[in-house]
Amino acid sequence: MTPMGWLDAVYVMAYRQLKHFVRSPSRIIASIVNPLIWILFFGMGWASTFRFPGAKALFGGVDYLSFLIPGIIAMSVFTGSFLSGISILFDKQFGFLKEILVAPVPRVAAMTGRILGDSLTATIEAGIIAVIGLPLITRVSFLGILYALLYSYLAAIGFSALGIAIASRMRSYEGFQLIMSFLIMPLIFLSGAFYPIRYMPWWLKLLAYMDPLTYSVDATRYWLVGVAQINPWIDLGALLLLDAGLVIVAGYLFGKMSLE
């Protein structure tokens, strides 16, 4: 297959994922409402608690909402991109996946297009949450929004690949949801999205540094409000390593997938 044909396959699949997202208003609404619930009910409640003198020092010099909202943005990227694996099961159930697997294009091209398309939709969701949350952030870098979205896209690639890798081995929604419930909440709470990692017990801190979402949260927070617990270059390296490793794994598992 020529390089142009390979790129055409990637483009078609990416466009299909993006078009599917745009035509699903319920998904768009849910992707916005869920993070807003965390911000309004969880964030506002704790923000009123952390109003004592010296509270900002706990969060790197910013108020709690300014600390939390970048974490919520990174969390929405994680959940939105990871759940892209469900589309694999959906396509498998309704027959579209069979057409992909028997099409005269490399499976890795189809998978790459899905990853890029799902990552773009997750980044769009993050951008919407960022715009909504900006009035609540007291110290925001508007130039940093672009960098934060770039890091979000890099993180989304890895998490989309993870979702596709897991879905490639699943035969039912129930199996994927079981894995999802086992992974999502621990990774979110270990990531430092809700509280600083430096105050965790040493063993929990060790697990946090093993959590790939930690580096997405830290990078997003650094570029938006200037607060970081890890060097931004380490964040970038970790995300690139995550992308490379998970895309290779996803490509292997997707290539071995059958419709039995």
Protein backbone atom coordinates (compact mmCIF):
# COMPACT_ATOMS: atom_id res chain seq x y z
CA MET A 1 0.00 0.00 0.00
CA THR A 2 1.35 3.43 -0.91
CA PRO A 3 2.05 6.02 1.80
CA MET A 4 -0.73 8.19 0.37
CA GLY A 5 -3.22 5.33 0.65
CA TRP A 6 -2.10 4.70 4.23
CA LEU A 7 -2.63 8.37 5.09
CA ASP A 8 -6.03 8.32 3.40
CA ALA A 9 -7.08 5.42 5.63
CA VAL A 10 -5.88 7.29 8.72
CA TYR A 11 -7.73 10.43 7.65
CA VAL A 12 -10.98 8.60 6.91
CA MET A 13 -11.03 6.87 10.30
CA ALA A 14 -10.10 10.05 12.17
CA TYR A 15 -12.79 11.99 10.32
CA ARG A 16 -15.31 9.25 11.06
CA GLN A 17 -14.60 9.38 14.81
CA LEU A 18 -14.85 13.18 14.84
CA LYS A 19 -18.08 13.15 12.81
CA HIS A 20 -19.55 10.53 15.13
CA PHE A 21 -18.75 12.76 18.10
CA VAL A 22 -20.30 15.86 16.52
CA ARG A 23 -23.47 13.92 15.71
CA SER A 24 -23.85 12.70 19.31
CA PRO A 25 -25.22 15.69 21.25
CA SER A 26 -25.89 13.54 24.31
CA ARG A 27 -22.22 12.59 24.45
CA ILE A 28 -21.15 16.22 24.09
CA ILE A 29 -23.50 17.30 26.86
CA ALA A 30 -22.37 14.48 29.16
CA SER A 31 -18.70 15.27 28.53
CA ILE A 32 -19.34 18.84 29.70
CA VAL A 33 -21.80 18.21 32.52
CA ASN A 34 -19.76 15.56 34.34
CA PRO A 35 -16.66 17.76 34.84
CA LEU A 36 -18.88 20.69 35.78
CA ILE A 37 -20.49 18.57 38.50
CA TRP A 38 -17.02 17.93 39.96
CA ILE A 39 -16.16 21.62 39.79
CA LEU A 40 -19.43 22.95 41.22
CA PHE A 41 -20.22 20.43 43.92
CA PHE A 42 -16.81 19.04 44.85
CA GLY A 43 -14.66 22.06 44.02
CA MET A 44 -16.90 24.77 45.42
CA GLY A 45 -17.39 22.82 48.64
CA TRP A 46 -13.70 22.32 49.30
CA ALA A 47 -12.82 25.81 48.07
CA SER A 48 -14.97 27.25 50.86
CA THR A 49 -13.13 25.01 53.32
CA PHE A 50 -9.64 26.09 52.23
CA ARG A 51 -10.08 29.78 53.02
CA PHE A 52 -7.99 29.91 56.17
CA PRO A 53 -4.71 31.87 56.24
CA GLY A 54 -1.92 29.98 54.56
CA ALA A 55 -4.28 27.67 52.65
CA LYS A 56 -2.88 28.76 49.29
CA ALA A 57 0.55 27.56 50.34
CA LEU A 58 -0.84 24.02 50.37
CA PHE A 59 -1.61 24.28 46.66
CA GLY A 60 1.48 26.00 45.35
CA GLY A 61 0.30 29.57 45.92
CA VAL A 62 -3.13 29.38 44.27
CA ASP A 63 -6.62 28.89 45.66
CA TYR A 64 -8.19 25.44 45.60
CA LEU A 65 -10.37 26.00 42.52
CA SER A 66 -7.37 27.20 40.53
CA PHE A 67 -5.58 24.05 41.64
CA LEU A 68 -8.52 21.74 40.95
CA ILE A 69 -9.79 22.89 37.54
CA PRO A 70 -6.64 21.91 35.57
CA GLY A 71 -6.92 18.49 37.21
CA ILE A 72 -10.56 18.23 36.13
CA ILE A 73 -9.56 19.15 32.58
CA ALA A 74 -6.91 16.42 32.51
CA MET A 75 -9.42 14.01 34.06
CA SER A 76 -11.96 14.74 31.31
CA VAL A 77 -9.29 14.06 28.67
CA PHE A 78 -8.47 10.76 30.33
CA THR A 79 -12.04 9.51 30.61
CA GLY A 80 -13.07 10.81 27.18
CA SER A 81 -10.16 9.21 25.37
CA PHE A 82 -10.09 5.98 27.39
CA LEU A 83 -13.78 5.39 26.71
CA SER A 84 -12.99 5.40 23.00
CA GLY A 85 -12.53 1.68 23.48
CA ILE A 86 -16.31 1.39 23.73
CA SER A 87 -16.59 2.41 20.08
CA ILE A 88 -14.59 -0.72 19.20
CA LEU A 89 -17.19 -2.88 20.93
CA PHE A 90 -20.00 -0.88 19.36
CA ASP A 91 -18.54 -1.37 15.88
CA LYS A 92 -17.99 -5.04 16.60
CA GLN A 93 -21.62 -5.51 17.62
CA PHE A 94 -23.10 -3.69 14.63
CA GLY A 95 -20.76 -5.05 12.00
CA PHE A 96 -18.74 -1.98 11.05
CA LEU A 97 -15.59 -3.44 12.56
CA LYS A 98 -15.82 -6.43 10.24
CA GLU A 99 -15.70 -4.10 7.26
CA ILE A 100 -12.59 -2.45 8.69
CA LEU A 101 -10.81 -5.73 9.34
CA VAL A 102 -11.42 -7.07 5.83
CA ALA A 103 -10.73 -3.77 4.04
CA PRO A 104 -7.58 -3.66 1.86
CA VAL A 105 -5.82 -1.28 4.23
CA PRO A 106 -3.42 -2.07 7.07
CA ARG A 107 -5.19 -2.50 10.37
CA VAL A 108 -2.64 -0.26 12.02
CA ALA A 109 -3.73 2.58 9.72
CA ALA A 110 -7.37 2.15 10.76
CA MET A 111 -6.36 1.98 14.42
CA THR A 112 -4.14 5.06 14.11
CA GLY A 113 -7.00 7.01 12.59
CA ARG A 114 -9.31 6.00 15.43
CA ILE A 115 -6.74 7.06 18.01
CA LEU A 116 -6.10 10.44 16.39
CA GLY A 117 -9.82 11.12 15.94
CA ASP A 118 -10.77 10.10 19.48
CA SER A 119 -7.85 12.09 20.88
CA LEU A 120 -9.03 15.16 19.02
CA THR A 121 -12.56 14.85 20.38
CA ALA A 122 -11.21 14.43 23.92
CA THR A 123 -9.06 17.54 23.47
CA ILE A 124 -12.06 19.50 22.18
CA GLU A 125 -13.95 18.48 25.31
CA ALA A 126 -11.00 19.67 27.41
CA GLY A 127 -11.00 23.00 25.57
CA ILE A 128 -14.68 23.52 26.34
CA ILE A 129 -14.14 22.76 30.02
CA ALA A 130 -11.14 25.12 30.06
CA VAL A 131 -13.18 27.99 28.61
CA ILE A 132 -16.00 27.40 31.10
CA GLY A 133 -13.61 27.11 34.04
CA LEU A 134 -11.44 30.15 33.21
CA PRO A 135 -13.62 32.65 35.15
CA LEU A 136 -13.09 30.55 38.28
CA ILE A 137 -9.29 30.53 38.01
CA THR A 138 -7.65 33.48 39.71
CA ARG A 139 -4.25 33.15 38.08
CA VAL A 140 -4.39 31.80 34.56
CA SER A 141 -1.93 31.95 31.68
CA PHE A 142 -3.90 32.48 28.49
CA LEU A 143 -0.88 31.56 26.36
CA GLY A 144 -0.51 28.47 28.49
CA ILE A 145 -3.94 27.27 27.34
CA LEU A 146 -2.46 26.33 23.97
CA TYR A 147 0.35 24.36 25.58
CA ALA A 148 -2.10 22.73 27.98
CA LEU A 149 -4.25 21.58 25.05
CA LEU A 150 -1.16 20.27 23.26
CA TYR A 151 -0.19 18.22 26.30
CA SER A 152 -3.82 17.12 26.58
CA TYR A 153 -3.71 15.81 23.02
CA LEU A 154 -0.50 13.91 23.72
CA ALA A 155 -2.08 12.35 26.81
CA ALA A 156 -5.27 11.54 24.90
CA ILE A 157 -3.29 9.57 22.30
CA GLY A 158 -1.89 7.28 24.98
CA PHE A 159 -5.19 6.83 26.81
CA SER A 160 -7.10 6.23 23.55
CA ALA A 161 -4.56 3.55 22.66
CA LEU A 162 -5.06 2.01 26.11
CA GLY A 163 -8.82 1.90 25.64
CA ILE A 164 -8.47 0.32 22.19
CA ALA A 165 -5.93 -2.22 23.47
CA ILE A 166 -8.28 -3.34 26.24
CA ALA A 167 -11.37 -3.35 23.99
CA SER A 168 -9.52 -5.47 21.43
CA ARG A 169 -9.44 -8.29 23.98
CA MET A 170 -13.02 -7.85 25.17
CA ARG A 171 -16.15 -9.44 23.75
CA SER A 172 -18.79 -7.51 25.67
CA TYR A 173 -19.55 -4.11 27.12
CA GLU A 174 -19.75 -5.69 30.57
CA GLY A 175 -16.16 -6.89 30.41
CA PHE A 176 -14.91 -3.50 29.31
CA GLN A 177 -16.95 -1.72 31.99
CA LEU A 178 -15.48 -4.02 34.64
CA ILE A 179 -11.95 -3.14 33.58
CA MET A 180 -12.96 0.52 33.28
CA SER A 181 -14.32 0.66 36.84
CA PHE A 182 -11.18 -1.06 38.10
CA LEU A 183 -8.82 1.40 36.39
CA ILE A 184 -10.44 4.82 36.12
CA MET A 185 -11.07 5.84 39.73
CA PRO A 186 -7.72 4.66 41.17
CA LEU A 187 -5.81 6.38 38.37
CA ILE A 188 -7.78 9.61 38.88
CA PHE A 189 -7.33 9.75 42.64
CA LEU A 190 -3.62 8.89 42.40
CA SER A 191 -2.97 11.56 39.77
CA GLY A 192 -2.97 14.59 42.05
CA ALA A 193 -6.04 16.05 40.36
CA PHE A 194 -7.75 16.68 43.70
CA TYR A 195 -4.88 17.12 46.14
CA PRO A 196 -1.10 17.63 45.97
CA ILE A 197 0.99 14.52 45.56
CA ARG A 198 3.65 15.81 47.95
CA TYR A 199 1.34 15.31 50.93
CA MET A 200 0.64 11.66 50.16
CA PRO A 201 2.23 8.83 52.19
CA TRP A 202 5.44 7.64 50.58
CA TRP A 203 3.94 4.39 49.29
CA LEU A 204 0.96 6.22 47.78
CA LYS A 205 3.30 8.81 46.28
CA LEU A 206 5.25 5.98 44.64
CA LEU A 207 2.06 4.68 43.05
CA ALA A 208 1.19 8.23 41.94
CA TYR A 209 4.47 8.55 40.04
CA MET A 210 3.69 5.25 38.32
CA ASP A 211 0.32 6.63 37.20
CA PRO A 212 0.55 8.10 33.66
CA LEU A 213 -2.36 10.44 34.38
CA THR A 214 -0.19 12.15 37.01
CA TYR A 215 2.01 13.65 34.30
CA SER A 216 -0.96 14.89 32.29
CA VAL A 217 -2.45 16.56 35.37
CA ASP A 218 0.85 18.13 36.35
CA ALA A 219 1.54 19.48 32.84
CA THR A 220 -1.97 20.90 32.47
CA ARG A 221 -1.74 22.61 35.86
CA TYR A 222 1.70 24.01 35.11
CA TRP A 223 0.70 25.59 31.81
CA LEU A 224 -2.60 26.98 33.09
CA VAL A 225 -1.71 28.32 36.55
CA GLY A 226 2.06 27.89 36.86
CA VAL A 227 1.96 25.25 39.59
CA ALA A 228 3.93 22.03 39.07
CA GLN A 229 5.21 19.24 41.26
CA ILE A 230 7.21 17.60 38.46
CA ASN A 231 9.54 19.12 35.90
CA PRO A 232 7.52 19.92 32.73
CA TRP A 233 10.16 18.22 30.59
CA ILE A 234 9.70 15.05 32.62
CA ASP A 235 5.95 15.35 32.04
CA LEU A 236 6.56 15.63 28.30
CA GLY A 237 8.95 12.67 28.26
CA ALA A 238 6.54 10.53 30.27
CA LEU A 239 3.64 11.32 27.93
CA LEU A 240 5.69 10.60 24.81
CA LEU A 241 6.87 7.32 26.33
CA LEU A 242 3.27 6.49 27.23
CA ASP A 243 2.14 7.20 23.67
CA ALA A 244 4.87 5.12 22.07
CA GLY A 245 4.38 2.13 24.34
CA LEU A 246 0.59 2.01 24.30
CA VAL A 247 0.26 2.66 20.56
CA ILE A 248 2.59 -0.28 19.89
CA VAL A 249 0.60 -2.51 22.26
CA ALA A 250 -2.72 -1.34 20.80
CA GLY A 251 -1.45 -1.92 17.26
CA TYR A 252 -0.41 -5.46 18.11
CA LEU A 253 -3.67 -6.37 19.87
CA PHE A 254 -5.85 -4.68 17.25
CA GLY A 255 -3.97 -6.52 14.53
CA LYS A 256 -4.60 -9.85 16.24
CA MET A 257 -8.29 -9.16 16.86
CA SER A 258 -10.90 -11.45 15.33
CA LEU A 259 -14.69 -11.31 15.23
CA GLU A 260 -15.29 -14.76 16.66
